[in-house]
Every structure is written in C-alpha cells, then in structure tokens.
Amino acid sequence: VQLQASGGGFVQPGGSLRLSCAASGFTISSGWMYWVRQAPGKEIEWVSSMSAAGYTFYADSVKGRFTISRDNARNTLYLQMNSLRPEDTAIYYCSRDARGDSRGQGTQVTVSS
C-alpha cells in the first residue's frame, strides 16, 4: 500500500493549489480517505474526509475553501485549496485514517506574501 501526495508549492495569500494523492495497492473508493496536515511545531491536524459513498467532510478552518474529490479511474484523491491563508502552511498528507497514522509521503504547502 502506497500513498504519494503531490502538487504543493509556494503561493501568496488568496491563491489556490490542487493537491493529488496517487494510491497503489488498494482502491481508494472502497473506504474512507482523508487529508491531514502538519504545520511546523504542531501535531497532525485532520483537514477533510471522503467516505466510500462519496460523502465529504471538512474541518471548520477550511470549510468553504477546500474541496476533496477523487478520480476512481485513476485511483487518485484530490484536495482543491482556494483562498489560501498563511495558517494553511503545512505538509499535507493523504491517509486511510483521520489521525494520519497510515499517511504516505506528504507535499509541502507554503502560503506567504
């Protein structure tokens, strides 16, 4: 089982990024999938979830700005991030659990002017 996040980068406040998470060894649509993040010096924080049925959930801090989605044919999870803020700066991971214990390799997102 592997999870590989990509798409991070440096963006100014108010900007957008789309993160991707390519999965192998299992089918992402068969269960819950999560995005979590870890800011410097802080614990891992849950960001968003998608159920097998496609229901989506968001942390209050990102609600209305971030959108989780998936492409079943590509077995890939996405996180569209709009109206980015400096406090969104973190390493972002996709995971098979909300605590991030099963997270794969992350991608750095830096929001700064």
Protein backbone atom coordinates (compact mmCIF):
# COMPACT_ATOMS: atom_id res chain seq x y z
CA VAL A 1 0.00 0.00 0.00
CA GLN A 2 1.40 3.35 -1.01
CA LEU A 3 0.14 6.92 -0.87
CA GLN A 4 2.03 9.66 -2.66
CA ALA A 5 0.91 13.26 -2.33
CA SER A 6 1.98 15.93 -4.81
CA GLY A 7 1.01 19.38 -6.02
CA GLY A 8 2.25 21.50 -3.16
CA GLY A 9 4.23 24.67 -3.57
CA PHE A 10 4.64 28.29 -2.64
CA VAL A 11 1.62 30.54 -3.08
CA GLN A 12 0.60 34.01 -1.96
CA PRO A 13 -2.37 34.52 0.36
CA GLY A 14 -5.60 34.21 -1.56
CA GLY A 15 -4.07 31.84 -4.06
CA SER A 16 -5.01 28.28 -4.98
CA LEU A 17 -3.39 24.89 -5.23
CA ARG A 18 -4.66 21.43 -6.10
CA LEU A 19 -3.10 18.52 -4.29
CA SER A 20 -3.15 14.99 -5.66
CA CYS A 21 -2.68 11.69 -3.88
CA ALA A 22 -1.90 8.68 -6.00
CA ALA A 23 -2.75 5.40 -4.31
CA SER A 24 -1.48 1.93 -5.08
CA GLY A 25 -2.11 -1.45 -3.54
CA PHE A 26 -5.74 -0.73 -2.69
CA THR A 27 -8.80 1.03 -4.11
CA ILE A 28 -9.46 4.47 -2.63
CA SER A 29 -13.19 4.26 -3.30
CA SER A 30 -13.51 1.14 -1.16
CA GLY A 31 -13.29 3.05 2.10
CA TRP A 32 -12.76 6.37 3.83
CA MET A 33 -9.92 8.58 2.70
CA TYR A 34 -8.52 11.60 4.49
CA TRP A 35 -6.36 14.64 4.05
CA VAL A 36 -4.37 15.65 7.11
CA ARG A 37 -1.69 18.28 7.60
CA GLN A 38 1.13 19.11 9.94
CA ALA A 39 2.30 22.65 10.47
CA PRO A 40 5.80 23.33 11.84
CA GLY A 41 5.95 22.51 15.52
CA LYS A 42 2.36 21.32 15.66
CA GLU A 43 0.57 18.00 15.77
CA ILE A 44 -1.11 16.42 12.79
CA GLU A 45 -4.47 18.01 12.06
CA TRP A 46 -7.40 16.45 10.21
CA VAL A 47 -8.43 18.55 7.20
CA SER A 48 -11.01 16.64 5.17
CA SER A 49 -12.57 13.22 4.62
CA MET A 50 -14.42 11.37 1.92
CA SER A 51 -16.46 8.23 2.53
CA ALA A 52 -16.73 5.29 0.18
CA ALA A 53 -20.15 6.58 -0.83
CA GLY A 54 -18.69 9.98 -1.64
CA TYR A 55 -19.83 11.98 1.36
CA THR A 56 -17.40 14.77 2.23
CA PHE A 57 -16.46 16.44 5.49
CA TYR A 58 -14.23 19.37 6.35
CA ALA A 59 -12.55 20.93 9.34
CA ASP A 60 -14.12 24.26 10.25
CA SER A 61 -10.86 26.00 9.44
CA VAL A 62 -11.06 25.00 5.75
CA LYS A 63 -14.80 24.70 5.17
CA GLY A 64 -15.89 26.68 2.14
CA ARG A 65 -12.32 26.99 0.86
CA PHE A 66 -11.16 23.41 0.32
CA THR A 67 -12.82 20.66 -1.71
CA ILE A 68 -11.99 16.97 -1.53
CA SER A 69 -12.66 14.76 -4.53
CA ARG A 70 -11.46 11.58 -6.16
CA ASP A 71 -11.00 10.03 -9.59
CA ASN A 72 -11.81 6.35 -9.29
CA ALA A 73 -10.36 5.51 -12.69
CA ARG A 74 -7.03 6.99 -11.68
CA ASN A 75 -7.32 5.80 -8.07
CA THR A 76 -6.35 9.32 -7.05
CA LEU A 77 -7.59 11.61 -4.29
CA TYR A 78 -7.55 15.38 -4.68
CA LEU A 79 -7.73 18.45 -2.48
CA GLN A 80 -8.60 21.72 -4.19
CA MET A 81 -7.48 24.56 -1.95
CA ASN A 82 -8.71 28.08 -2.63
CA SER A 83 -8.38 31.35 -0.74
CA LEU A 84 -5.26 30.06 0.93
CA ARG A 85 -4.09 31.70 4.14
CA PRO A 86 -0.69 31.76 5.85
CA GLU A 87 -2.09 29.47 8.54
CA ASP A 88 -2.64 26.81 5.87
CA THR A 89 1.13 26.41 5.62
CA ALA A 90 1.93 22.78 6.40
CA ILE A 91 2.94 19.45 4.99
CA TYR A 92 -0.17 17.84 3.58
CA TYR A 93 -0.69 14.09 3.56
CA CYS A 94 -3.37 11.74 2.38
CA SER A 95 -4.19 8.93 4.74
CA ARG A 96 -6.50 5.99 5.32
CA ASP A 97 -7.25 7.18 8.84
CA ALA A 98 -8.11 10.53 10.39
CA ARG A 99 -5.10 10.58 12.71
CA GLY A 100 -2.70 10.20 9.83
CA ASP A 101 -1.13 7.02 11.15
CA SER A 102 -1.33 5.48 7.66
CA ARG A 103 -0.26 8.61 5.82
CA GLY A 104 2.08 8.40 2.90
CA GLN A 105 4.67 10.85 1.66
CA GLY A 106 3.48 14.41 2.02
CA THR A 107 3.71 17.58 -0.01
CA GLN A 108 4.74 20.98 1.35
CA VAL A 109 2.34 23.91 1.04
CA THR A 110 3.68 27.34 1.91
CA VAL A 111 1.40 30.39 1.91
CA SER A 112 3.24 33.65 2.31
CA SER A 113 3.50 37.11 0.86
